[in-house]
Amino acid sequence: MKIPKVPLYIKEKMHKLAKLSQQAVELESEISEWFCAKGFDEDALRCGNGASLEELIYGNDVTDEFCTRIESGEFDDAVSPFKCCR
């Protein structure tokens, strides 16, 4: 079997994927820190219902719906003044 040479365009896509993944990790951390600083329980905000915070990392833009839910008080029971940030 002949070992194929990986084409430049594939290498470039791999570099791009690594860079975008790192940016996603950094953004996710900043978002989590903000909510944590406001006293929200991160687990409650990542409830797996298809419209919660973790959807963003999967590429599903639920931003407007999620923020509307936050601002309407739906997650008020997920706020604790004693909640520690990571």
C-alpha atoms as a PDB file:
ATOM      1  CA  MET A   1       0.000   0.000   0.000  1.00  0.00           C
ATOM      2  CA  LYS A   2       1.335   3.377  -0.976  1.00  0.00           C
ATOM      3  CA  ILE A   3       1.358   5.853   1.896  1.00  0.00           C
ATOM      4  CA  PRO A   4      -0.457   9.003   0.763  1.00  0.00           C
ATOM      5  CA  LYS A   5       0.978  12.476   1.198  1.00  0.00           C
ATOM      6  CA  VAL A   6      -1.400  14.693   3.139  1.00  0.00           C
ATOM      7  CA  PRO A   7      -2.279  17.618   0.863  1.00  0.00           C
ATOM      8  CA  LEU A   8      -1.648  21.172   1.966  1.00  0.00           C
ATOM      9  CA  TYR A   9      -5.341  22.084   1.897  1.00  0.00           C
ATOM     10  CA  ILE A  10      -6.072  19.293   4.412  1.00  0.00           C
ATOM     11  CA  LYS A  11      -3.202  20.425   6.645  1.00  0.00           C
ATOM     12  CA  GLU A  12      -4.547  23.983   6.490  1.00  0.00           C
ATOM     13  CA  LYS A  13      -8.005  22.757   7.502  1.00  0.00           C
ATOM     14  CA  MET A  14      -6.469  20.826  10.399  1.00  0.00           C
ATOM     15  CA  HIS A  15      -4.625  23.952  11.579  1.00  0.00           C
ATOM     16  CA  LYS A  16      -7.819  25.980  11.256  1.00  0.00           C
ATOM     17  CA  LEU A  17      -9.807  23.405  13.227  1.00  0.00           C
ATOM     18  CA  ALA A  18      -7.240  23.440  16.036  1.00  0.00           C
ATOM     19  CA  LYS A  19      -7.275  27.238  16.153  1.00  0.00           C
ATOM     20  CA  LEU A  20     -11.074  27.485  16.145  1.00  0.00           C
ATOM     21  CA  SER A  21     -11.343  24.787  18.806  1.00  0.00           C
ATOM     22  CA  GLN A  22      -8.963  26.703  21.061  1.00  0.00           C
ATOM     23  CA  GLN A  23     -10.958  29.891  20.511  1.00  0.00           C
ATOM     24  CA  ALA A  24     -14.158  28.009  21.379  1.00  0.00           C
ATOM     25  CA  VAL A  25     -12.622  26.751  24.628  1.00  0.00           C
ATOM     26  CA  GLU A  26     -11.553  30.281  25.558  1.00  0.00           C
ATOM     27  CA  LEU A  27     -14.983  31.749  24.754  1.00  0.00           C
ATOM     28  CA  GLU A  28     -16.774  29.004  26.665  1.00  0.00           C
ATOM     29  CA  SER A  29     -14.582  29.727  29.687  1.00  0.00           C
ATOM     30  CA  GLU A  30     -15.300  33.467  29.533  1.00  0.00           C
ATOM     31  CA  ILE A  31     -19.045  32.851  29.244  1.00  0.00           C
ATOM     32  CA  SER A  32     -19.025  30.368  32.118  1.00  0.00           C
ATOM     33  CA  GLU A  33     -17.013  32.725  34.306  1.00  0.00           C
ATOM     34  CA  TRP A  34     -19.493  35.544  33.667  1.00  0.00           C
ATOM     35  CA  PHE A  35     -22.505  33.440  34.644  1.00  0.00           C
ATOM     36  CA  CYS A  36     -20.639  32.027  37.628  1.00  0.00           C
ATOM     37  CA  ALA A  37     -19.700  35.529  38.782  1.00  0.00           C
ATOM     38  CA  LYS A  38     -23.412  36.419  38.650  1.00  0.00           C
ATOM     39  CA  GLY A  39     -24.103  33.475  40.960  1.00  0.00           C
ATOM     40  CA  PHE A  40     -25.617  31.020  38.478  1.00  0.00           C
ATOM     41  CA  ASP A  41     -25.145  27.300  38.987  1.00  0.00           C
ATOM     42  CA  GLU A  42     -23.433  26.137  35.789  1.00  0.00           C
ATOM     43  CA  ASP A  43     -24.995  22.690  35.993  1.00  0.00           C
ATOM     44  CA  ALA A  44     -28.464  24.237  35.927  1.00  0.00           C
ATOM     45  CA  LEU A  45     -27.540  26.277  32.853  1.00  0.00           C
ATOM     46  CA  ARG A  46     -26.289  23.128  31.092  1.00  0.00           C
ATOM     47  CA  CYS A  47     -29.370  20.998  31.561  1.00  0.00           C
ATOM     48  CA  GLY A  48     -29.244  19.218  28.191  1.00  0.00           C
ATOM     49  CA  ASN A  49     -32.680  20.247  27.001  1.00  0.00           C
ATOM     50  CA  GLY A  50     -31.496  21.342  23.560  1.00  0.00           C
ATOM     51  CA  ALA A  51     -31.725  25.041  24.370  1.00  0.00           C
ATOM     52  CA  SER A  52     -29.242  25.432  27.186  1.00  0.00           C
ATOM     53  CA  LEU A  53     -25.721  26.782  27.397  1.00  0.00           C
ATOM     54  CA  GLU A  54     -23.852  23.675  26.233  1.00  0.00           C
ATOM     55  CA  GLU A  55     -25.589  23.824  22.847  1.00  0.00           C
ATOM     56  CA  LEU A  56     -23.264  26.660  21.824  1.00  0.00           C
ATOM     57  CA  ILE A  57     -20.209  24.391  21.889  1.00  0.00           C
ATOM     58  CA  TYR A  58     -22.032  22.042  19.492  1.00  0.00           C
ATOM     59  CA  GLY A  59     -22.579  24.886  17.034  1.00  0.00           C
ATOM     60  CA  ASN A  60     -26.266  25.356  17.807  1.00  0.00           C
ATOM     61  CA  ASP A  61     -26.885  29.072  18.210  1.00  0.00           C
ATOM     62  CA  VAL A  62     -29.442  29.198  21.015  1.00  0.00           C
ATOM     63  CA  THR A  63     -28.123  32.559  22.237  1.00  0.00           C
ATOM     64  CA  ASP A  64     -31.298  34.594  21.836  1.00  0.00           C
ATOM     65  CA  GLU A  65     -33.578  31.916  23.283  1.00  0.00           C
ATOM     66  CA  PHE A  66     -31.188  31.215  26.159  1.00  0.00           C
ATOM     67  CA  CYS A  67     -30.756  34.908  27.035  1.00  0.00           C
ATOM     68  CA  THR A  68     -34.521  35.423  26.893  1.00  0.00           C
ATOM     69  CA  ARG A  69     -34.931  32.556  29.359  1.00  0.00           C
ATOM     70  CA  ILE A  70     -32.249  34.024  31.668  1.00  0.00           C
ATOM     71  CA  GLU A  71     -33.758  37.530  31.497  1.00  0.00           C
ATOM     72  CA  SER A  72     -37.295  36.234  32.118  1.00  0.00           C
ATOM     73  CA  GLY A  73     -36.169  34.737  35.424  1.00  0.00           C
ATOM     74  CA  GLU A  74     -36.533  31.105  34.372  1.00  0.00           C
ATOM     75  CA  PHE A  75     -33.198  30.312  36.024  1.00  0.00           C
ATOM     76  CA  ASP A  76     -33.721  32.390  39.176  1.00  0.00           C
ATOM     77  CA  ASP A  77     -33.693  29.214  41.258  1.00  0.00           C
ATOM     78  CA  ALA A  78     -30.220  28.479  39.817  1.00  0.00           C
ATOM     79  CA  VAL A  79     -28.751  31.626  41.405  1.00  0.00           C
ATOM     80  CA  SER A  80     -26.933  31.388  44.706  1.00  0.00           C
ATOM     81  CA  PRO A  81     -24.926  34.136  46.389  1.00  0.00           C
ATOM     82  CA  PHE A  82     -22.751  31.358  47.855  1.00  0.00           C
ATOM     83  CA  LYS A  83     -21.935  29.660  44.550  1.00  0.00           C
ATOM     84  CA  CYS A  84     -18.188  29.609  43.976  1.00  0.00           C
ATOM     85  CA  CYS A  85     -16.601  30.138  40.617  1.00  0.00           C
ATOM     86  CA  ARG A  86     -14.035  27.673  39.358  1.00  0.00           C
END
